[in-house]
N, C-alpha and C. Protein backbone atom coordinates (compact mmCIF):
# COMPACT_ATOMS: atom_id res chain seq x y z
N MET A 1 8.90 -4.50 54.23
CA MET A 1 8.82 -5.69 53.39
C MET A 1 8.69 -5.24 51.94
N PRO A 2 9.46 -5.81 51.03
CA PRO A 2 9.43 -5.35 49.65
C PRO A 2 8.17 -5.76 48.89
N TYR A 3 7.42 -6.74 49.37
CA TYR A 3 6.22 -7.21 48.68
C TYR A 3 5.00 -6.79 49.48
N LYS A 4 4.22 -5.92 48.92
CA LYS A 4 3.07 -5.40 49.64
C LYS A 4 1.76 -6.06 49.22
N ASP A 5 1.69 -6.58 48.03
CA ASP A 5 0.44 -7.12 47.52
C ASP A 5 0.38 -8.63 47.63
N ARG A 6 -0.77 -9.14 48.11
CA ARG A 6 -0.97 -10.57 48.17
C ARG A 6 -0.85 -11.14 46.76
N GLY A 7 -0.16 -12.24 46.66
CA GLY A 7 0.01 -12.88 45.36
C GLY A 7 1.21 -12.39 44.59
N SER A 8 1.99 -11.49 45.16
CA SER A 8 3.13 -10.95 44.43
C SER A 8 4.46 -11.60 44.81
N HIS A 9 4.40 -12.58 45.72
CA HIS A 9 5.64 -13.22 46.15
C HIS A 9 5.34 -14.62 46.68
N LEU A 10 6.36 -15.41 46.87
CA LEU A 10 6.25 -16.81 47.24
C LEU A 10 5.34 -17.04 48.44
N PHE A 11 5.52 -16.28 49.51
CA PHE A 11 4.76 -16.52 50.73
C PHE A 11 3.46 -15.73 50.79
N GLY A 12 3.08 -15.10 49.71
CA GLY A 12 1.87 -14.29 49.69
C GLY A 12 0.78 -14.85 48.80
N GLY A 13 0.82 -16.15 48.53
CA GLY A 13 -0.24 -16.76 47.75
C GLY A 13 -0.02 -16.73 46.26
N SER A 14 1.22 -16.72 45.83
CA SER A 14 1.49 -16.68 44.39
C SER A 14 1.89 -18.03 43.82
N ASN A 15 1.78 -19.10 44.59
CA ASN A 15 2.17 -20.42 44.10
C ASN A 15 1.14 -21.48 44.47
N HIS A 16 1.05 -22.48 43.63
CA HIS A 16 0.10 -23.56 43.85
C HIS A 16 0.52 -24.49 44.98
N PHE A 17 1.75 -24.38 45.44
CA PHE A 17 2.24 -25.26 46.51
C PHE A 17 2.39 -24.54 47.85
N TYR A 18 2.05 -23.26 47.89
CA TYR A 18 2.10 -22.48 49.13
C TYR A 18 0.97 -21.47 49.08
N ASN A 19 -0.23 -21.91 49.50
CA ASN A 19 -1.39 -21.06 49.33
C ASN A 19 -2.55 -21.58 50.17
N THR A 20 -3.64 -20.87 50.13
CA THR A 20 -4.88 -21.26 50.79
C THR A 20 -5.93 -21.51 49.70
N PHE A 21 -6.69 -22.60 49.87
CA PHE A 21 -7.66 -22.98 48.85
C PHE A 21 -9.03 -23.24 49.47
N GLU A 22 -10.07 -22.88 48.73
CA GLU A 22 -11.43 -23.13 49.17
C GLU A 22 -11.86 -24.54 48.76
N CYS A 23 -12.58 -25.19 49.66
CA CYS A 23 -13.07 -26.55 49.41
C CYS A 23 -14.54 -26.51 48.97
N ALA A 24 -15.09 -27.69 48.68
CA ALA A 24 -16.46 -27.79 48.19
C ALA A 24 -17.49 -27.24 49.17
N ASP A 25 -17.20 -27.27 50.45
CA ASP A 25 -18.14 -26.79 51.47
C ASP A 25 -17.95 -25.32 51.84
N GLY A 26 -17.07 -24.63 51.13
CA GLY A 26 -16.82 -23.21 51.41
C GLY A 26 -15.80 -22.97 52.50
N LYS A 27 -15.28 -24.04 53.09
CA LYS A 27 -14.23 -23.92 54.10
C LYS A 27 -12.88 -23.96 53.40
N PHE A 28 -11.81 -23.68 54.14
CA PHE A 28 -10.50 -23.51 53.53
C PHE A 28 -9.45 -24.46 54.09
N VAL A 29 -8.44 -24.70 53.26
CA VAL A 29 -7.25 -25.45 53.67
C VAL A 29 -6.03 -24.66 53.22
N SER A 30 -4.92 -24.90 53.90
CA SER A 30 -3.65 -24.26 53.54
C SER A 30 -2.64 -25.32 53.20
N VAL A 31 -1.79 -25.01 52.24
CA VAL A 31 -0.73 -25.91 51.81
C VAL A 31 0.58 -25.16 51.85
N GLY A 32 1.63 -25.80 52.34
CA GLY A 32 2.96 -25.22 52.37
C GLY A 32 4.00 -26.25 51.99
N ALA A 33 3.86 -26.82 50.81
CA ALA A 33 4.73 -27.91 50.36
C ALA A 33 5.95 -27.35 49.61
N LEU A 34 6.88 -26.78 50.35
CA LEU A 34 8.03 -26.13 49.73
C LEU A 34 9.13 -27.11 49.32
N GLU A 35 9.37 -28.11 50.13
CA GLU A 35 10.44 -29.07 49.82
C GLU A 35 9.93 -30.14 48.87
N ALA A 36 10.83 -30.67 48.07
CA ALA A 36 10.46 -31.62 47.01
C ALA A 36 9.67 -32.81 47.54
N HIS A 37 10.09 -33.42 48.64
CA HIS A 37 9.38 -34.60 49.12
C HIS A 37 7.97 -34.26 49.61
N PHE A 38 7.78 -33.08 50.20
CA PHE A 38 6.45 -32.65 50.59
C PHE A 38 5.60 -32.33 49.35
N TYR A 39 6.22 -31.70 48.38
CA TYR A 39 5.53 -31.34 47.15
C TYR A 39 5.04 -32.58 46.40
N LEU A 40 5.89 -33.57 46.27
CA LEU A 40 5.50 -34.80 45.57
C LEU A 40 4.38 -35.52 46.31
N ASP A 41 4.43 -35.51 47.64
CA ASP A 41 3.35 -36.09 48.43
C ASP A 41 2.05 -35.29 48.21
N PHE A 42 2.16 -34.00 48.19
CA PHE A 42 1.02 -33.11 47.97
C PHE A 42 0.33 -33.40 46.65
N ILE A 43 1.08 -33.43 45.55
CA ILE A 43 0.44 -33.65 44.24
C ILE A 43 -0.15 -35.05 44.13
N GLU A 44 0.46 -36.00 44.82
CA GLU A 44 -0.09 -37.36 44.84
C GLU A 44 -1.45 -37.37 45.53
N ARG A 45 -1.55 -36.70 46.66
CA ARG A 45 -2.78 -36.71 47.45
C ARG A 45 -3.92 -35.94 46.82
N ILE A 46 -3.62 -34.87 46.08
CA ILE A 46 -4.73 -34.13 45.47
C ILE A 46 -5.16 -34.72 44.14
N GLY A 47 -4.36 -35.62 43.59
CA GLY A 47 -4.77 -36.36 42.41
C GLY A 47 -4.63 -35.62 41.09
N VAL A 48 -3.72 -34.67 41.01
CA VAL A 48 -3.48 -33.98 39.73
C VAL A 48 -2.55 -34.82 38.86
N ASP A 49 -2.41 -34.41 37.61
CA ASP A 49 -1.55 -35.12 36.66
C ASP A 49 -0.09 -35.02 37.11
N LYS A 50 0.45 -36.12 37.56
CA LYS A 50 1.80 -36.13 38.12
C LYS A 50 2.84 -35.65 37.10
N ALA A 51 2.71 -36.07 35.86
CA ALA A 51 3.69 -35.67 34.84
C ALA A 51 3.70 -34.16 34.62
N GLU A 52 2.54 -33.54 34.71
CA GLU A 52 2.44 -32.10 34.51
C GLU A 52 3.00 -31.32 35.70
N PHE A 53 2.85 -31.86 36.91
CA PHE A 53 3.19 -31.14 38.13
C PHE A 53 4.55 -31.48 38.72
N GLU A 54 5.08 -32.66 38.50
CA GLU A 54 6.19 -33.15 39.32
C GLU A 54 7.47 -32.33 39.27
N GLN A 55 7.73 -31.59 38.23
CA GLN A 55 8.94 -30.77 38.16
C GLN A 55 8.70 -29.30 38.52
N GLN A 56 7.54 -29.00 39.08
CA GLN A 56 7.18 -27.60 39.34
C GLN A 56 7.30 -27.20 40.80
N TRP A 57 8.11 -27.91 41.57
CA TRP A 57 8.32 -27.56 42.98
C TRP A 57 9.39 -26.47 43.10
N LEU A 58 9.37 -25.78 44.22
CA LEU A 58 10.30 -24.68 44.48
C LEU A 58 11.73 -25.17 44.42
N GLY A 59 12.55 -24.58 43.60
CA GLY A 59 13.95 -24.93 43.50
C GLY A 59 14.26 -25.96 42.44
N SER A 60 13.24 -26.52 41.82
CA SER A 60 13.48 -27.50 40.77
C SER A 60 14.16 -26.83 39.59
N PRO A 61 15.21 -27.44 39.04
CA PRO A 61 15.85 -26.85 37.86
C PRO A 61 14.90 -26.81 36.66
N GLU A 62 13.88 -27.63 36.70
CA GLU A 62 12.92 -27.71 35.60
C GLU A 62 11.69 -26.82 35.81
N GLN A 63 11.62 -26.14 36.96
CA GLN A 63 10.43 -25.33 37.25
C GLN A 63 10.26 -24.23 36.21
N ASP A 64 9.05 -24.11 35.70
CA ASP A 64 8.70 -23.08 34.72
C ASP A 64 7.67 -22.17 35.37
N ILE A 65 8.10 -21.00 35.81
CA ILE A 65 7.19 -20.12 36.55
C ILE A 65 6.04 -19.61 35.69
N SER A 66 6.17 -19.67 34.38
CA SER A 66 5.05 -19.24 33.53
C SER A 66 3.86 -20.19 33.64
N LYS A 67 4.09 -21.40 34.14
CA LYS A 67 3.02 -22.39 34.29
C LYS A 67 2.26 -22.26 35.61
N ILE A 68 2.79 -21.48 36.55
CA ILE A 68 2.21 -21.41 37.89
C ILE A 68 0.75 -20.99 37.90
N PRO A 69 0.33 -19.96 37.18
CA PRO A 69 -1.10 -19.59 37.22
C PRO A 69 -2.03 -20.73 36.78
N ALA A 70 -1.66 -21.46 35.74
CA ALA A 70 -2.49 -22.58 35.27
C ALA A 70 -2.48 -23.72 36.29
N LEU A 71 -1.32 -23.99 36.89
CA LEU A 71 -1.24 -25.05 37.89
C LEU A 71 -2.06 -24.69 39.12
N GLU A 72 -2.02 -23.42 39.50
CA GLU A 72 -2.80 -22.97 40.66
C GLU A 72 -4.30 -23.15 40.41
N LYS A 73 -4.76 -22.87 39.20
CA LYS A 73 -6.18 -23.06 38.87
C LYS A 73 -6.55 -24.54 38.97
N LYS A 74 -5.66 -25.42 38.55
CA LYS A 74 -5.94 -26.86 38.61
C LYS A 74 -5.96 -27.35 40.06
N VAL A 75 -5.07 -26.85 40.87
CA VAL A 75 -5.07 -27.23 42.29
C VAL A 75 -6.34 -26.70 42.96
N ALA A 76 -6.71 -25.46 42.67
CA ALA A 76 -7.93 -24.89 43.24
C ALA A 76 -9.15 -25.72 42.84
N ALA A 77 -9.20 -26.15 41.58
CA ALA A 77 -10.31 -26.98 41.11
C ALA A 77 -10.32 -28.33 41.82
N ALA A 78 -9.16 -28.90 42.06
CA ALA A 78 -9.08 -30.18 42.77
C ALA A 78 -9.63 -30.04 44.19
N PHE A 79 -9.24 -28.98 44.89
CA PHE A 79 -9.73 -28.79 46.26
C PHE A 79 -11.24 -28.56 46.30
N LYS A 80 -11.82 -28.03 45.25
CA LYS A 80 -13.27 -27.78 45.21
C LYS A 80 -14.06 -29.08 45.04
N THR A 81 -13.40 -30.21 44.82
CA THR A 81 -14.12 -31.47 44.62
C THR A 81 -14.47 -32.19 45.91
N LYS A 82 -13.92 -31.74 47.03
CA LYS A 82 -14.16 -32.40 48.32
C LYS A 82 -14.33 -31.36 49.42
N THR A 83 -14.95 -31.78 50.50
CA THR A 83 -15.10 -30.88 51.64
C THR A 83 -13.77 -30.78 52.39
N ARG A 84 -13.68 -29.77 53.25
CA ARG A 84 -12.46 -29.62 54.05
C ARG A 84 -12.21 -30.86 54.89
N ASP A 85 -13.25 -31.41 55.50
CA ASP A 85 -13.07 -32.60 56.33
C ASP A 85 -12.60 -33.81 55.53
N GLU A 86 -13.06 -33.93 54.29
CA GLU A 86 -12.58 -35.02 53.43
C GLU A 86 -11.09 -34.84 53.13
N TRP A 87 -10.68 -33.59 52.88
CA TRP A 87 -9.26 -33.32 52.62
C TRP A 87 -8.41 -33.58 53.86
N VAL A 88 -8.94 -33.27 55.03
CA VAL A 88 -8.21 -33.53 56.27
C VAL A 88 -7.90 -35.02 56.37
N LYS A 89 -8.86 -35.86 56.04
CA LYS A 89 -8.62 -37.31 56.09
C LYS A 89 -7.60 -37.75 55.05
N ILE A 90 -7.66 -37.17 53.87
CA ILE A 90 -6.72 -37.52 52.81
C ILE A 90 -5.30 -37.11 53.17
N PHE A 91 -5.15 -35.95 53.79
CA PHE A 91 -3.83 -35.42 54.12
C PHE A 91 -3.34 -35.77 55.51
N GLU A 92 -4.07 -36.57 56.22
CA GLU A 92 -3.67 -36.92 57.58
C GLU A 92 -2.22 -37.38 57.60
N ALA A 93 -1.42 -36.74 58.44
CA ALA A 93 0.00 -37.08 58.63
C ALA A 93 0.84 -36.91 57.38
N GLY A 94 0.72 -35.76 56.72
CA GLY A 94 1.62 -35.55 55.59
C GLY A 94 1.40 -34.28 54.80
N ALA A 95 2.34 -33.99 53.96
CA ALA A 95 2.30 -32.99 52.90
C ALA A 95 2.16 -31.53 53.31
N CYS A 96 2.52 -31.15 54.51
CA CYS A 96 2.49 -29.74 54.92
C CYS A 96 1.14 -29.11 54.61
N PHE A 97 0.12 -29.65 55.20
CA PHE A 97 -1.26 -29.29 54.96
C PHE A 97 -1.91 -28.89 56.29
N CYS A 98 -2.83 -27.93 56.23
CA CYS A 98 -3.53 -27.52 57.44
C CYS A 98 -4.96 -27.14 57.08
N ALA A 99 -5.91 -27.65 57.89
CA ALA A 99 -7.30 -27.25 57.71
C ALA A 99 -7.47 -25.86 58.32
N GLY A 100 -8.03 -24.96 57.56
CA GLY A 100 -8.27 -23.63 58.08
C GLY A 100 -9.46 -23.61 59.02
N VAL A 101 -9.40 -22.76 60.02
CA VAL A 101 -10.53 -22.58 60.93
C VAL A 101 -10.84 -21.10 61.00
N GLY A 102 -12.10 -20.78 61.23
CA GLY A 102 -12.49 -19.38 61.36
C GLY A 102 -12.05 -18.82 62.70
N TYR A 103 -12.09 -17.53 62.83
CA TYR A 103 -11.69 -16.89 64.08
C TYR A 103 -12.54 -17.36 65.26
N SER A 104 -13.79 -17.68 64.98
CA SER A 104 -14.67 -18.11 66.07
C SER A 104 -14.24 -19.46 66.65
N ARG A 105 -13.54 -20.27 65.87
CA ARG A 105 -13.08 -21.57 66.34
C ARG A 105 -11.59 -21.61 66.64
N SER A 106 -10.88 -20.57 66.32
CA SER A 106 -9.43 -20.59 66.43
C SER A 106 -8.93 -20.86 67.85
N GLY A 107 -9.65 -20.42 68.84
CA GLY A 107 -9.26 -20.68 70.22
C GLY A 107 -9.36 -22.13 70.61
N ALA A 108 -10.11 -22.91 69.82
CA ALA A 108 -10.29 -24.33 70.11
C ALA A 108 -9.21 -25.20 69.49
N VAL A 109 -8.37 -24.63 68.68
CA VAL A 109 -7.33 -25.41 68.01
C VAL A 109 -6.16 -25.58 68.97
N SER A 110 -5.83 -26.82 69.28
CA SER A 110 -4.86 -27.10 70.34
C SER A 110 -3.49 -26.47 70.09
N THR A 111 -3.01 -26.47 68.85
CA THR A 111 -1.68 -25.91 68.61
C THR A 111 -1.66 -24.41 68.85
N GLN A 112 -2.76 -23.75 68.57
CA GLN A 112 -2.83 -22.32 68.80
C GLN A 112 -3.06 -22.00 70.28
N CYS A 113 -3.84 -22.83 70.95
CA CYS A 113 -4.10 -22.59 72.39
C CYS A 113 -2.81 -22.66 73.18
N GLY A 114 -1.98 -23.62 72.84
CA GLY A 114 -0.72 -23.78 73.57
C GLY A 114 0.19 -22.58 73.39
N LYS A 115 0.09 -21.91 72.27
CA LYS A 115 0.92 -20.74 72.00
C LYS A 115 0.27 -19.46 72.49
N LYS A 116 -0.98 -19.56 72.94
CA LYS A 116 -1.75 -18.42 73.44
C LYS A 116 -1.87 -17.31 72.40
N ASN A 117 -2.03 -17.74 71.12
CA ASN A 117 -2.20 -16.77 70.04
C ASN A 117 -3.59 -16.16 70.04
N PHE A 118 -4.57 -16.90 70.58
CA PHE A 118 -5.94 -16.42 70.58
C PHE A 118 -6.46 -16.47 72.01
N ARG A 119 -7.21 -15.47 72.41
CA ARG A 119 -7.77 -15.44 73.76
C ARG A 119 -9.23 -15.12 73.72
């Protein structure tokens, strides 16, 4: 793989729309809003400034990659305003969002149990 360091490429935590974020309770959520319609839903649900964010999705002709670090800080700050469970309710049925679980609970997650990823 050409990218060895976390944060050095799209799928390694270098974007505000494809990353893992800590919530107010110290638990984590993951976001993977790569497509425009998922991205627009994502920014709507987290409550950031739509005008500042709306053209910054992957593939947008208007995307300015120099803005990504500042946007990521704003998204991280937004996630710190609520607990993971509050975010789960906000994102229910949308926006390519997933509540993170620790390894101790991973076997209890139905999607993972069906795939037998954890034993």
